[in-house]
Amino acid sequence: MILIENKTEIKKFIIGSFFLICGIAIFVGSLIMFGYCVAPTLFTILPSKDLAGMVNQAILIKFRILQGISILMMLGGFIICKNKLISKERNIHIAFISFIMILFLFYGIYIHNTMFTLTQSITSFDTILENEKAIIQQFRQYHRYYSATALIAAGLGLGLTLYHISILIISGKEITIKD
């Protein structure tokens, strides 16, 4: 049972949960939308891989900002409602959010910047030069790492959503107002 002293505490807990869930929704939704809708479509409909890559890169810059903001929303929501969670629940939330942040830093900053640096050494993805094949292979390997870690981060976001909802609803917790 979650003991809440007054109605202000209830509002605070609900607002915190709202920001946490909204942050997760934006984070996971943007990954799904970009990774499975936008990027593949660009490479399908644009006339060259080079053009699609430039458009993709421009979108990815804004995408990283959106993802960073959504992680801050998750963190802020958790901070607002953390005091009403028992220690074990708090620690599990911290673990989920920490892993999501670490993965984001890995794929969103490190891998993304590495891929961007590699593209500067490639003349064209449409007409591959013999001396650039190794660089392109390395780029593709980093792209696989990017996709895999982003998918794991999305899965963790969904897992955190289910966990947070389960501790509030499915497990039968009640909010009791102490008069």
N, C-alpha and C. Protein backbone atom coordinates (compact mmCIF):
# COMPACT_ATOMS: atom_id res chain seq x y z
N MET A 1 0.84 -1.18 0.00
CA MET A 1 0.00 0.00 0.00
C MET A 1 0.88 1.24 0.00
N ILE A 2 0.49 2.24 -0.76
CA ILE A 2 1.18 3.52 -0.78
C ILE A 2 0.41 4.45 0.13
N LEU A 3 1.08 4.94 1.17
CA LEU A 3 0.43 5.85 2.10
C LEU A 3 0.73 7.28 1.67
N ILE A 4 -0.33 8.02 1.38
CA ILE A 4 -0.16 9.40 0.96
C ILE A 4 -0.87 10.28 1.98
N GLU A 5 -0.13 11.25 2.47
CA GLU A 5 -0.60 12.08 3.58
C GLU A 5 -1.77 13.01 3.22
N ASN A 6 -1.77 13.58 2.03
CA ASN A 6 -2.83 14.53 1.68
C ASN A 6 -3.03 14.57 0.16
N LYS A 7 -4.02 15.36 -0.26
CA LYS A 7 -4.35 15.42 -1.68
C LYS A 7 -3.22 16.02 -2.51
N THR A 8 -2.45 16.92 -1.94
CA THR A 8 -1.31 17.50 -2.65
C THR A 8 -0.30 16.42 -2.99
N GLU A 9 -0.08 15.50 -2.05
CA GLU A 9 0.85 14.38 -2.28
C GLU A 9 0.33 13.47 -3.40
N ILE A 10 -1.00 13.26 -3.44
CA ILE A 10 -1.59 12.44 -4.51
C ILE A 10 -1.34 13.10 -5.86
N LYS A 11 -1.60 14.40 -5.93
CA LYS A 11 -1.38 15.13 -7.18
C LYS A 11 0.08 15.03 -7.61
N LYS A 12 0.99 15.18 -6.66
CA LYS A 12 2.42 15.10 -6.94
C LYS A 12 2.79 13.72 -7.49
N PHE A 13 2.24 12.68 -6.88
CA PHE A 13 2.52 11.32 -7.31
C PHE A 13 1.97 11.06 -8.72
N ILE A 14 0.77 11.54 -8.98
CA ILE A 14 0.15 11.36 -10.30
C ILE A 14 0.92 12.15 -11.36
N ILE A 15 1.33 13.37 -11.04
CA ILE A 15 2.10 14.20 -11.99
C ILE A 15 3.44 13.54 -12.28
N GLY A 16 4.10 13.03 -11.25
CA GLY A 16 5.38 12.33 -11.45
C GLY A 16 5.23 11.12 -12.35
N SER A 17 4.19 10.33 -12.09
CA SER A 17 3.94 9.15 -12.92
C SER A 17 3.61 9.56 -14.36
N PHE A 18 2.86 10.65 -14.51
CA PHE A 18 2.52 11.15 -15.84
C PHE A 18 3.78 11.52 -16.63
N PHE A 19 4.69 12.28 -16.00
CA PHE A 19 5.93 12.67 -16.69
C PHE A 19 6.79 11.46 -17.00
N LEU A 20 6.86 10.52 -16.09
CA LEU A 20 7.64 9.30 -16.32
C LEU A 20 7.10 8.55 -17.53
N ILE A 21 5.79 8.30 -17.55
CA ILE A 21 5.19 7.54 -18.65
C ILE A 21 5.25 8.33 -19.96
N CYS A 22 5.02 9.65 -19.92
CA CYS A 22 5.12 10.47 -21.15
C CYS A 22 6.54 10.46 -21.69
N GLY A 23 7.53 10.56 -20.82
CA GLY A 23 8.92 10.50 -21.25
C GLY A 23 9.23 9.19 -21.94
N ILE A 24 8.75 8.11 -21.36
CA ILE A 24 8.96 6.78 -21.96
C ILE A 24 8.25 6.70 -23.31
N ALA A 25 7.02 7.20 -23.36
CA ALA A 25 6.24 7.13 -24.61
C ALA A 25 6.94 7.90 -25.73
N ILE A 26 7.45 9.08 -25.42
CA ILE A 26 8.15 9.86 -26.44
C ILE A 26 9.44 9.15 -26.86
N PHE A 27 10.18 8.63 -25.87
CA PHE A 27 11.44 7.94 -26.15
C PHE A 27 11.22 6.73 -27.04
N VAL A 28 10.33 5.84 -26.61
CA VAL A 28 10.09 4.61 -27.38
C VAL A 28 9.39 4.93 -28.70
N GLY A 29 8.42 5.82 -28.67
CA GLY A 29 7.70 6.18 -29.88
C GLY A 29 8.61 6.78 -30.94
N SER A 30 9.54 7.63 -30.51
CA SER A 30 10.45 8.24 -31.48
C SER A 30 11.40 7.20 -32.07
N LEU A 31 11.84 6.25 -31.25
CA LEU A 31 12.70 5.18 -31.77
C LEU A 31 11.97 4.35 -32.81
N ILE A 32 10.74 3.99 -32.50
CA ILE A 32 9.96 3.18 -33.43
C ILE A 32 9.66 3.97 -34.71
N MET A 33 9.22 5.20 -34.53
CA MET A 33 8.86 6.02 -35.69
C MET A 33 10.06 6.26 -36.60
N PHE A 34 11.19 6.61 -36.01
CA PHE A 34 12.35 6.89 -36.84
C PHE A 34 12.96 5.61 -37.40
N GLY A 35 13.16 4.63 -36.54
CA GLY A 35 13.87 3.42 -36.94
C GLY A 35 13.11 2.53 -37.90
N TYR A 36 11.79 2.53 -37.80
CA TYR A 36 11.02 1.61 -38.64
C TYR A 36 10.14 2.30 -39.67
N CYS A 37 10.01 3.63 -39.55
CA CYS A 37 9.18 4.35 -40.52
C CYS A 37 9.98 5.36 -41.34
N VAL A 38 10.64 6.28 -40.69
CA VAL A 38 11.30 7.38 -41.39
C VAL A 38 12.55 6.93 -42.14
N ALA A 39 13.54 6.39 -41.42
CA ALA A 39 14.82 6.05 -42.05
C ALA A 39 14.67 5.06 -43.21
N PRO A 40 13.97 3.93 -43.03
CA PRO A 40 13.84 3.02 -44.17
C PRO A 40 13.12 3.65 -45.36
N THR A 41 12.16 4.50 -45.10
CA THR A 41 11.42 5.15 -46.17
C THR A 41 12.34 6.10 -46.96
N LEU A 42 13.18 6.84 -46.24
CA LEU A 42 14.12 7.74 -46.92
C LEU A 42 15.00 6.97 -47.90
N PHE A 43 15.53 5.84 -47.44
CA PHE A 43 16.44 5.08 -48.30
C PHE A 43 15.71 4.35 -49.42
N THR A 44 14.40 4.22 -49.29
CA THR A 44 13.60 3.57 -50.34
C THR A 44 13.17 4.57 -51.42
N ILE A 45 12.71 5.76 -51.01
CA ILE A 45 12.11 6.66 -51.99
C ILE A 45 13.06 7.70 -52.57
N LEU A 46 14.12 8.06 -51.86
CA LEU A 46 15.04 9.06 -52.40
C LEU A 46 15.93 8.42 -53.47
N PRO A 47 16.33 9.19 -54.47
CA PRO A 47 17.03 8.62 -55.62
C PRO A 47 18.46 8.12 -55.35
N SER A 48 19.06 8.55 -54.23
CA SER A 48 20.42 8.07 -53.95
C SER A 48 20.61 7.83 -52.46
N LYS A 49 21.52 6.92 -52.14
CA LYS A 49 21.85 6.64 -50.74
C LYS A 49 22.52 7.85 -50.11
N ASP A 50 23.30 8.58 -50.90
CA ASP A 50 23.98 9.76 -50.37
C ASP A 50 22.97 10.82 -49.94
N LEU A 51 21.97 11.08 -50.77
CA LEU A 51 20.94 12.06 -50.43
C LEU A 51 20.14 11.59 -49.21
N ALA A 52 19.75 10.32 -49.21
CA ALA A 52 19.00 9.77 -48.08
C ALA A 52 19.82 9.87 -46.79
N GLY A 53 21.11 9.62 -46.89
CA GLY A 53 21.99 9.72 -45.73
C GLY A 53 22.08 11.13 -45.19
N MET A 54 22.15 12.12 -46.09
CA MET A 54 22.20 13.53 -45.65
C MET A 54 20.90 13.93 -44.94
N VAL A 55 19.77 13.54 -45.50
CA VAL A 55 18.48 13.85 -44.87
C VAL A 55 18.38 13.13 -43.53
N ASN A 56 18.78 11.87 -43.53
CA ASN A 56 18.76 11.05 -42.31
C ASN A 56 19.60 11.71 -41.22
N GLN A 57 20.79 12.18 -41.58
CA GLN A 57 21.69 12.82 -40.63
C GLN A 57 21.06 14.08 -40.04
N ALA A 58 20.43 14.87 -40.88
CA ALA A 58 19.78 16.10 -40.40
C ALA A 58 18.66 15.78 -39.41
N ILE A 59 17.91 14.73 -39.69
CA ILE A 59 16.83 14.32 -38.78
C ILE A 59 17.41 13.77 -37.48
N LEU A 60 18.48 12.99 -37.57
CA LEU A 60 19.08 12.38 -36.38
C LEU A 60 19.55 13.41 -35.36
N ILE A 61 19.98 14.55 -35.82
CA ILE A 61 20.41 15.60 -34.89
C ILE A 61 19.24 16.05 -34.03
N LYS A 62 18.09 16.29 -34.65
CA LYS A 62 16.89 16.68 -33.91
C LYS A 62 16.37 15.50 -33.06
N PHE A 63 16.51 14.31 -33.59
CA PHE A 63 16.09 13.09 -32.91
C PHE A 63 16.83 12.93 -31.58
N ARG A 64 18.14 13.19 -31.58
CA ARG A 64 18.92 13.09 -30.34
C ARG A 64 18.43 14.08 -29.30
N ILE A 65 18.09 15.29 -29.73
CA ILE A 65 17.58 16.30 -28.80
C ILE A 65 16.25 15.82 -28.20
N LEU A 66 15.36 15.33 -29.05
CA LEU A 66 14.07 14.82 -28.58
C LEU A 66 14.26 13.68 -27.59
N GLN A 67 15.16 12.78 -27.90
CA GLN A 67 15.40 11.65 -26.99
C GLN A 67 16.00 12.12 -25.68
N GLY A 68 16.91 13.09 -25.73
CA GLY A 68 17.48 13.63 -24.50
C GLY A 68 16.42 14.27 -23.62
N ILE A 69 15.52 15.02 -24.23
CA ILE A 69 14.42 15.65 -23.49
C ILE A 69 13.52 14.58 -22.88
N SER A 70 13.23 13.52 -23.63
CA SER A 70 12.35 12.47 -23.11
C SER A 70 13.00 11.74 -21.93
N ILE A 71 14.31 11.57 -21.96
CA ILE A 71 15.00 10.95 -20.83
C ILE A 71 14.93 11.87 -19.62
N LEU A 72 15.08 13.17 -19.83
CA LEU A 72 14.94 14.12 -18.72
C LEU A 72 13.53 14.09 -18.15
N MET A 73 12.53 13.92 -19.01
CA MET A 73 11.15 13.79 -18.52
C MET A 73 10.99 12.54 -17.65
N MET A 74 11.57 11.42 -18.10
CA MET A 74 11.51 10.19 -17.30
C MET A 74 12.15 10.42 -15.94
N LEU A 75 13.33 10.99 -15.97
CA LEU A 75 14.08 11.22 -14.74
C LEU A 75 13.34 12.18 -13.81
N GLY A 76 12.82 13.26 -14.38
CA GLY A 76 12.06 14.23 -13.58
C GLY A 76 10.81 13.61 -12.98
N GLY A 77 10.09 12.84 -13.78
CA GLY A 77 8.89 12.17 -13.27
C GLY A 77 9.22 11.21 -12.14
N PHE A 78 10.30 10.46 -12.31
CA PHE A 78 10.72 9.54 -11.25
C PHE A 78 11.08 10.30 -9.98
N ILE A 79 11.82 11.39 -10.11
CA ILE A 79 12.23 12.17 -8.94
C ILE A 79 11.01 12.72 -8.20
N ILE A 80 10.00 13.14 -8.95
CA ILE A 80 8.79 13.69 -8.32
C ILE A 80 8.06 12.62 -7.51
N CYS A 81 7.98 11.39 -8.01
CA CYS A 81 7.17 10.38 -7.31
C CYS A 81 7.99 9.32 -6.55
N LYS A 82 9.32 9.43 -6.55
CA LYS A 82 10.16 8.37 -5.96
C LYS A 82 9.93 8.16 -4.47
N ASN A 83 9.60 9.19 -3.74
CA ASN A 83 9.46 9.05 -2.29
C ASN A 83 8.25 8.21 -1.89
N LYS A 84 7.35 7.98 -2.80
CA LYS A 84 6.17 7.16 -2.49
C LYS A 84 6.33 5.72 -2.96
N LEU A 85 7.51 5.38 -3.42
CA LEU A 85 7.80 4.00 -3.82
C LEU A 85 8.66 3.36 -2.73
N ILE A 86 8.46 2.08 -2.51
CA ILE A 86 9.31 1.40 -1.54
C ILE A 86 10.71 1.25 -2.13
N SER A 87 11.67 0.99 -1.29
CA SER A 87 13.08 0.97 -1.68
C SER A 87 13.35 0.07 -2.88
N LYS A 88 12.80 -1.15 -2.88
CA LYS A 88 13.02 -2.09 -3.98
C LYS A 88 12.48 -1.53 -5.29
N GLU A 89 11.29 -0.96 -5.25
CA GLU A 89 10.67 -0.39 -6.45
C GLU A 89 11.48 0.80 -6.96
N ARG A 90 11.96 1.62 -6.04
CA ARG A 90 12.80 2.76 -6.40
C ARG A 90 14.07 2.30 -7.10
N ASN A 91 14.70 1.28 -6.54
CA ASN A 91 15.95 0.77 -7.11
C ASN A 91 15.74 0.18 -8.50
N ILE A 92 14.62 -0.50 -8.71
CA ILE A 92 14.34 -1.06 -10.04
C ILE A 92 14.10 0.07 -11.04
N HIS A 93 13.39 1.10 -10.64
CA HIS A 93 13.20 2.27 -11.51
C HIS A 93 14.55 2.89 -11.87
N ILE A 94 15.41 3.05 -10.86
CA ILE A 94 16.73 3.64 -11.09
C ILE A 94 17.53 2.79 -12.06
N ALA A 95 17.45 1.46 -11.91
CA ALA A 95 18.19 0.57 -12.81
C ALA A 95 17.69 0.73 -14.25
N PHE A 96 16.38 0.70 -14.45
CA PHE A 96 15.83 0.87 -15.80
C PHE A 96 16.28 2.19 -16.42
N ILE A 97 16.07 3.28 -15.70
CA ILE A 97 16.40 4.61 -16.24
C ILE A 97 17.90 4.73 -16.49
N SER A 98 18.71 4.19 -15.59
CA SER A 98 20.17 4.24 -15.77
C SER A 98 20.61 3.49 -17.02
N PHE A 99 20.08 2.29 -17.22
CA PHE A 99 20.44 1.52 -18.41
C PHE A 99 19.99 2.22 -19.69
N ILE A 100 18.80 2.81 -19.66
CA ILE A 100 18.31 3.55 -20.83
C ILE A 100 19.25 4.73 -21.12
N MET A 101 19.65 5.46 -20.09
CA MET A 101 20.54 6.60 -20.29
C MET A 101 21.91 6.16 -20.81
N ILE A 102 22.45 5.08 -20.27
CA ILE A 102 23.75 4.58 -20.73
C ILE A 102 23.67 4.15 -22.19
N LEU A 103 22.61 3.41 -22.54
CA LEU A 103 22.45 2.98 -23.93
C LEU A 103 22.29 4.18 -24.86
N PHE A 104 21.52 5.18 -24.43
CA PHE A 104 21.35 6.38 -25.24
C PHE A 104 22.69 7.08 -25.47
N LEU A 105 23.48 7.20 -24.42
CA LEU A 105 24.80 7.82 -24.57
C LEU A 105 25.67 7.01 -25.52
N PHE A 106 25.54 5.67 -25.46
CA PHE A 106 26.33 4.81 -26.32
C PHE A 106 25.91 4.95 -27.78
N TYR A 107 24.61 4.72 -28.07
CA TYR A 107 24.21 4.77 -29.48
C TYR A 107 23.98 6.19 -29.97
N GLY A 108 23.41 7.04 -29.12
CA GLY A 108 23.03 8.38 -29.55
C GLY A 108 24.19 9.36 -29.63
N ILE A 109 25.22 9.11 -28.85
CA ILE A 109 26.36 10.02 -28.87
C ILE A 109 27.58 9.32 -29.48
N TYR A 110 28.08 8.27 -28.83
CA TYR A 110 29.31 7.63 -29.27
C TYR A 110 29.19 7.01 -30.67
N ILE A 111 28.22 6.11 -30.85
CA ILE A 111 28.10 5.43 -32.15
C ILE A 111 27.71 6.43 -33.24
N HIS A 112 26.75 7.30 -32.94
CA HIS A 112 26.31 8.28 -33.93
C HIS A 112 27.49 9.15 -34.39
N ASN A 113 28.27 9.66 -33.44
CA ASN A 113 29.42 10.49 -33.80
C ASN A 113 30.47 9.71 -34.57
N THR A 114 30.68 8.45 -34.20
CA THR A 114 31.63 7.60 -34.92
C THR A 114 31.17 7.38 -36.36
N MET A 115 29.88 7.09 -36.53
CA MET A 115 29.35 6.90 -37.88
C MET A 115 29.47 8.18 -38.70
N PHE A 116 29.19 9.31 -38.08
CA PHE A 116 29.30 10.59 -38.78
C PHE A 116 30.74 10.84 -39.23
N THR A 117 31.69 10.55 -38.35
CA THR A 117 33.11 10.70 -38.70
C THR A 117 33.48 9.78 -39.86
N LEU A 118 33.00 8.56 -39.83
CA LEU A 118 33.29 7.62 -40.92
C LEU A 118 32.72 8.11 -42.25
N THR A 119 31.52 8.68 -42.23
CA THR A 119 30.91 9.15 -43.48
C THR A 119 31.73 10.26 -44.12
N GLN A 120 32.45 11.01 -43.33
CA GLN A 120 33.28 12.08 -43.88
C GLN A 120 34.47 11.52 -44.68
N SER A 121 34.79 10.24 -44.43
CA SER A 121 35.90 9.60 -45.16
C SER A 121 35.41 8.81 -46.38
N ILE A 122 34.10 8.83 -46.61
CA ILE A 122 33.51 8.07 -47.71
C ILE A 122 33.07 9.04 -48.80
N THR A 123 33.53 8.81 -50.01
CA THR A 123 33.18 9.67 -51.13
C THR A 123 31.70 9.54 -51.48
N SER A 124 31.24 8.28 -51.59
CA SER A 124 29.85 8.05 -51.96
C SER A 124 29.43 6.64 -51.56
N PHE A 125 28.19 6.54 -51.07
CA PHE A 125 27.62 5.22 -50.79
C PHE A 125 26.98 4.63 -52.04
N ASP A 126 26.76 5.47 -53.03
CA ASP A 126 26.16 5.00 -54.28
C ASP A 126 27.19 4.36 -55.20
N THR A 127 28.36 4.97 -55.25
CA THR A 127 29.45 4.46 -56.08
C THR A 127 30.62 4.17 -55.14
N ILE A 128 30.73 2.94 -54.71
CA ILE A 128 31.73 2.57 -53.71
C ILE A 128 33.10 2.39 -54.36
N LEU A 129 34.05 3.15 -53.87
CA LEU A 129 35.43 3.04 -54.35
C LEU A 129 36.11 1.87 -53.64
N GLU A 130 37.01 1.24 -54.34
CA GLU A 130 37.69 0.05 -53.80
C GLU A 130 38.40 0.36 -52.48
N ASN A 131 39.06 1.50 -52.41
CA ASN A 131 39.81 1.83 -51.20
C ASN A 131 38.92 2.26 -50.02
N GLU A 132 37.61 2.39 -50.24
CA GLU A 132 36.68 2.79 -49.18
C GLU A 132 35.81 1.63 -48.69
N LYS A 133 35.99 0.46 -49.27
CA LYS A 133 35.16 -0.69 -48.88
C LYS A 133 35.30 -1.04 -47.40
N ALA A 134 36.50 -0.98 -46.88
CA ALA A 134 36.73 -1.30 -45.46
C ALA A 134 36.04 -0.28 -44.55
N ILE A 135 36.07 0.98 -44.94
CA ILE A 135 35.42 2.03 -44.15
C ILE A 135 33.91 1.84 -44.18
N ILE A 136 33.38 1.51 -45.35
CA ILE A 136 31.93 1.28 -45.47
C ILE A 136 31.52 0.07 -44.65
N GLN A 137 32.34 -0.98 -44.66
CA GLN A 137 32.05 -2.17 -43.85
C GLN A 137 32.05 -1.80 -42.37
N GLN A 138 32.99 -0.97 -41.95
CA GLN A 138 33.04 -0.51 -40.56
C GLN A 138 31.80 0.32 -40.23
N PHE A 139 31.41 1.20 -41.16
CA PHE A 139 30.20 2.01 -40.97
C PHE A 139 28.98 1.10 -40.77
N ARG A 140 28.86 0.09 -41.61
CA ARG A 140 27.72 -0.82 -41.52
C ARG A 140 27.72 -1.59 -40.19
N GLN A 141 28.90 -1.95 -39.71
CA GLN A 141 28.99 -2.64 -38.41
C GLN A 141 28.53 -1.71 -37.29
N TYR A 142 28.96 -0.46 -37.31
CA TYR A 142 28.49 0.50 -36.31
C TYR A 142 26.97 0.72 -36.43
N HIS A 143 26.46 0.71 -37.63
CA HIS A 143 25.02 0.86 -37.82
C HIS A 143 24.27 -0.31 -37.17
N ARG A 144 24.81 -1.51 -37.29
CA ARG A 144 24.20 -2.67 -36.61
C ARG A 144 24.22 -2.50 -35.09
N TYR A 145 25.36 -2.01 -34.56
CA TYR A 145 25.45 -1.74 -33.11
C TYR A 145 24.43 -0.69 -32.70
N TYR A 146 24.31 0.36 -33.51
CA TYR A 146 23.36 1.43 -33.25
C TYR A 146 21.94 0.87 -33.17
N SER A 147 21.56 0.11 -34.18
CA SER A 147 20.21 -0.44 -34.24
C SER A 147 19.94 -1.39 -33.07
N ALA A 148 20.90 -2.23 -32.75
CA ALA A 148 20.71 -3.20 -31.67
C ALA A 148 20.58 -2.50 -30.32
N THR A 149 21.44 -1.54 -30.03
CA THR A 149 21.36 -0.87 -28.73
C THR A 149 20.12 0.01 -28.63
N ALA A 150 19.71 0.62 -29.74
CA ALA A 150 18.47 1.41 -29.73
C ALA A 150 17.27 0.50 -29.48
N LEU A 151 17.28 -0.68 -30.06
CA LEU A 151 16.19 -1.64 -29.84
C LEU A 151 16.15 -2.09 -28.39
N ILE A 152 17.30 -2.34 -27.80
CA ILE A 152 17.36 -2.73 -26.39
C ILE A 152 16.84 -1.59 -25.51
N ALA A 153 17.23 -0.35 -25.82
CA ALA A 153 16.75 0.81 -25.06
C ALA A 153 15.23 0.93 -25.15
N ALA A 154 14.68 0.70 -26.34
CA ALA A 154 13.22 0.75 -26.51
C ALA A 154 12.56 -0.35 -25.69
N GLY A 155 13.14 -1.53 -25.70
CA GLY A 155 12.61 -2.63 -24.89
C GLY A 155 12.65 -2.31 -23.41
N LEU A 156 13.73 -1.68 -22.95
CA LEU A 156 13.81 -1.28 -21.54
C LEU A 156 12.76 -0.22 -21.21
N GLY A 157 12.51 0.68 -22.15
CA GLY A 157 11.47 1.69 -21.94
C GLY A 157 10.10 1.05 -21.79
N LEU A 158 9.81 0.09 -22.66
CA LEU A 158 8.53 -0.63 -22.53
C LEU A 158 8.47 -1.42 -21.23
N GLY A 159 9.60 -2.03 -20.87
CA GLY A 159 9.66 -2.77 -19.61
C GLY A 159 9.42 -1.87 -18.41
N LEU A 160 10.00 -0.67 -18.43
CA LEU A 160 9.79 0.27 -17.33
C LEU A 160 8.34 0.71 -17.26
N THR A 161 7.72 0.91 -18.41
CA THR A 161 6.30 1.26 -18.42
C THR A 161 5.47 0.17 -17.76
N LEU A 162 5.69 -1.06 -18.18
CA LEU A 162 4.93 -2.17 -17.60
C LEU A 162 5.20 -2.31 -16.11
N TYR A 163 6.45 -2.15 -15.71
CA TYR A 163 6.79 -2.27 -14.30
C TYR A 163 6.11 -1.18 -13.49
N HIS A 164 6.20 0.06 -13.95
CA HIS A 164 5.61 1.17 -13.21
C HIS A 164 4.09 1.00 -13.09
N ILE A 165 3.47 0.64 -14.18
CA ILE A 165 2.01 0.44 -14.14
C ILE A 165 1.67 -0.74 -13.23
N SER A 166 2.46 -1.79 -13.29
CA SER A 166 2.15 -2.97 -12.46
C SER A 166 2.25 -2.67 -10.98
N ILE A 167 3.22 -1.85 -10.58
CA ILE A 167 3.31 -1.57 -9.14
C ILE A 167 2.20 -0.65 -8.68
N LEU A 168 1.58 0.04 -9.61
CA LEU A 168 0.48 0.93 -9.25
C LEU A 168 -0.88 0.25 -9.34
N ILE A 169 -1.06 -0.60 -10.35
CA ILE A 169 -2.39 -1.13 -10.63
C ILE A 169 -2.46 -2.64 -10.47
N ILE A 170 -1.69 -3.35 -11.27
CA ILE A 170 -1.82 -4.80 -11.35
C ILE A 170 -1.52 -5.49 -10.03
N SER A 171 -0.55 -4.96 -9.27
CA SER A 171 -0.20 -5.59 -8.01
C SER A 171 -1.22 -5.32 -6.92
N GLY A 172 -2.21 -4.49 -7.20
CA GLY A 172 -3.27 -4.24 -6.23
C GLY A 172 -2.92 -3.19 -5.20
N LYS A 173 -1.91 -2.37 -5.44
CA LYS A 173 -1.57 -1.32 -4.49
C LYS A 173 -2.72 -0.34 -4.40
N GLU A 174 -2.91 0.16 -3.23
CA GLU A 174 -3.96 1.14 -3.02
C GLU A 174 -3.33 2.43 -2.53
N ILE A 175 -3.95 3.52 -2.89
CA ILE A 175 -3.52 4.81 -2.36
C ILE A 175 -4.49 5.15 -1.24
N THR A 176 -3.97 5.31 -0.06
CA THR A 176 -4.77 5.61 1.11
C THR A 176 -4.46 7.01 1.58
N ILE A 177 -5.51 7.80 1.76
CA ILE A 177 -5.32 9.15 2.24
C ILE A 177 -5.47 9.14 3.75
N LYS A 178 -4.43 9.61 4.43
CA LYS A 178 -4.44 9.68 5.88
C LYS A 178 -5.08 11.00 6.28
N ASP A 179 -6.18 10.93 7.00
CA ASP A 179 -6.87 12.17 7.40
C ASP A 179 -6.36 12.70 8.70
